[in-house]
């Protein structure tokens, strides 16, 4: 698992990534030292849970991915089967490239 995250983090603009359970428990993490694993994991689980509840109220399916954009960077939250793949990036990252690399990483995670 750590190899998959390490390979993902080699993508230009990615500060770190982690796989977290829907309950917020960290499965694996390879984040920049400035980011707190537990905080990112709890945030990811909380956001996905709240968005899923909102989508349910709108009679929609659970989201496959959620992207949060802020002045200091972006956070990509993706359903990885066994949990949530959270990827933290720089603000000016190539979104298309990051999404492609996330898709590849999820395929590897699901293949394990």
Protein backbone atom coordinates (compact mmCIF):
# COMPACT_ATOMS: atom_id res chain seq x y z
CA UNK A 1 0.00 0.00 0.00
CA UNK A 2 2.78 2.43 0.89
CA UNK A 3 4.39 1.78 -2.51
CA UNK A 4 1.18 2.83 -4.26
CA UNK A 5 0.96 6.04 -2.22
CA UNK A 6 4.67 6.74 -2.77
CA UNK A 7 4.29 6.35 -6.53
CA UNK A 8 1.23 8.61 -6.50
CA UNK A 9 3.13 11.25 -4.55
CA UNK A 10 5.78 11.44 -7.29
CA UNK A 11 3.22 13.28 -9.43
CA UNK A 12 4.12 16.96 -9.73
CA UNK A 13 2.11 19.08 -7.32
CA UNK A 14 1.00 16.31 -4.95
CA UNK A 15 1.96 17.01 -1.34
CA UNK A 16 0.81 13.67 0.00
CA UNK A 17 -1.80 10.95 -0.03
CA UNK A 18 -3.47 8.56 2.35
CA UNK A 19 -5.99 5.76 2.50
CA UNK A 20 -8.46 6.17 5.34
CA UNK A 21 -11.42 4.06 6.39
CA UNK A 22 -14.92 5.51 6.26
CA UNK A 23 -14.69 5.75 10.05
CA UNK A 24 -11.62 8.03 9.86
CA UNK A 25 -9.09 5.35 10.88
CA UNK A 26 -5.88 5.65 8.86
CA UNK A 27 -5.05 2.57 6.80
CA UNK A 28 -1.88 3.98 5.21
CA UNK A 29 -0.47 7.48 4.90
CA UNK A 30 2.37 9.19 3.07
CA UNK A 31 1.76 12.88 3.74
CA UNK A 32 4.03 15.91 3.77
CA UNK A 33 5.45 16.50 7.25
CA UNK A 34 3.47 19.75 7.53
CA UNK A 35 0.19 17.81 7.35
CA UNK A 36 -1.19 15.91 10.33
CA UNK A 37 -2.29 12.40 9.34
CA UNK A 38 -5.10 12.20 11.90
CA UNK A 39 -6.51 15.59 10.95
CA UNK A 40 -6.57 14.84 7.23
CA UNK A 41 -8.07 11.39 7.86
CA UNK A 42 -10.83 12.72 10.11
CA UNK A 43 -11.56 15.56 7.68
CA UNK A 44 -11.78 13.16 4.72
CA UNK A 45 -14.16 10.78 6.50
CA UNK A 46 -16.34 13.62 7.78
CA UNK A 47 -16.63 15.32 4.39
CA UNK A 48 -17.44 12.09 2.54
CA UNK A 49 -20.03 11.14 5.18
CA UNK A 50 -21.76 14.53 5.06
CA UNK A 51 -21.78 14.70 1.26
CA UNK A 52 -23.11 11.13 1.05
CA UNK A 53 -25.97 12.00 3.42
CA UNK A 54 -26.79 15.11 1.38
CA UNK A 55 -26.75 13.14 -1.88
CA UNK A 56 -29.04 10.52 -0.31
CA UNK A 57 -31.53 13.26 0.59
CA UNK A 58 -31.47 14.34 -3.05
CA UNK A 59 -32.10 10.73 -4.16
CA UNK A 60 -28.65 10.57 -5.75
CA UNK A 61 -25.95 7.91 -5.58
CA UNK A 62 -22.98 8.22 -3.24
CA UNK A 63 -20.19 10.32 -4.77
CA UNK A 64 -17.20 8.57 -6.36
CA UNK A 65 -15.02 11.63 -5.89
CA UNK A 66 -15.09 14.99 -4.17
CA UNK A 67 -12.69 17.83 -4.92
CA UNK A 68 -12.14 20.73 -2.54
CA UNK A 69 -10.36 23.81 -3.83
CA UNK A 70 -8.87 26.45 -1.53
CA UNK A 71 -6.29 29.22 -1.81
CA UNK A 72 -3.51 27.03 -0.39
CA UNK A 73 -4.28 23.87 -2.35
CA UNK A 74 -6.73 21.16 -3.32
CA UNK A 75 -7.92 17.98 -1.66
CA UNK A 76 -9.16 15.09 -3.79
CA UNK A 77 -11.30 12.50 -1.98
CA UNK A 78 -12.02 9.31 -3.91
CA UNK A 79 -13.80 6.04 -3.20
CA UNK A 80 -11.07 3.39 -3.26
CA UNK A 81 -13.23 0.41 -2.34
CA UNK A 82 -11.61 -0.40 1.01
CA UNK A 83 -11.70 3.25 2.07
CA UNK A 84 -11.19 6.82 0.95
CA UNK A 85 -8.11 7.84 -1.01
CA UNK A 86 -7.30 11.40 0.04
CA UNK A 87 -4.77 13.37 -2.02
CA UNK A 88 -3.51 16.81 -1.00
CA UNK A 89 -2.01 19.04 -3.71
CA UNK A 90 -0.62 22.47 -4.46
CA UNK A 91 -3.17 25.05 -5.66
CA UNK A 92 -1.95 25.22 -9.28
CA UNK A 93 -1.71 21.47 -9.85
CA UNK A 94 -2.65 19.90 -13.20
CA UNK A 95 -6.08 18.54 -12.19
CA UNK A 96 -6.36 16.20 -15.18
CA UNK A 97 -2.99 14.61 -14.44
CA UNK A 98 -3.81 14.19 -10.76
CA UNK A 99 -7.16 12.57 -11.54
CA UNK A 100 -5.48 10.16 -13.96
CA UNK A 101 -2.85 9.19 -11.39
CA UNK A 102 -5.55 8.78 -8.73
CA UNK A 103 -7.49 6.49 -11.07
CA UNK A 104 -4.36 4.38 -11.61
CA UNK A 105 -3.65 4.23 -7.87
CA UNK A 106 -7.23 3.13 -7.11
CA UNK A 107 -6.95 0.36 -9.70
CA UNK A 108 -3.80 -0.88 -7.92
CA UNK A 109 -5.45 -0.63 -4.49
CA UNK A 110 -8.49 -2.61 -5.64
CA UNK A 111 -6.17 -5.17 -7.26
CA UNK A 112 -4.46 -6.02 -3.96
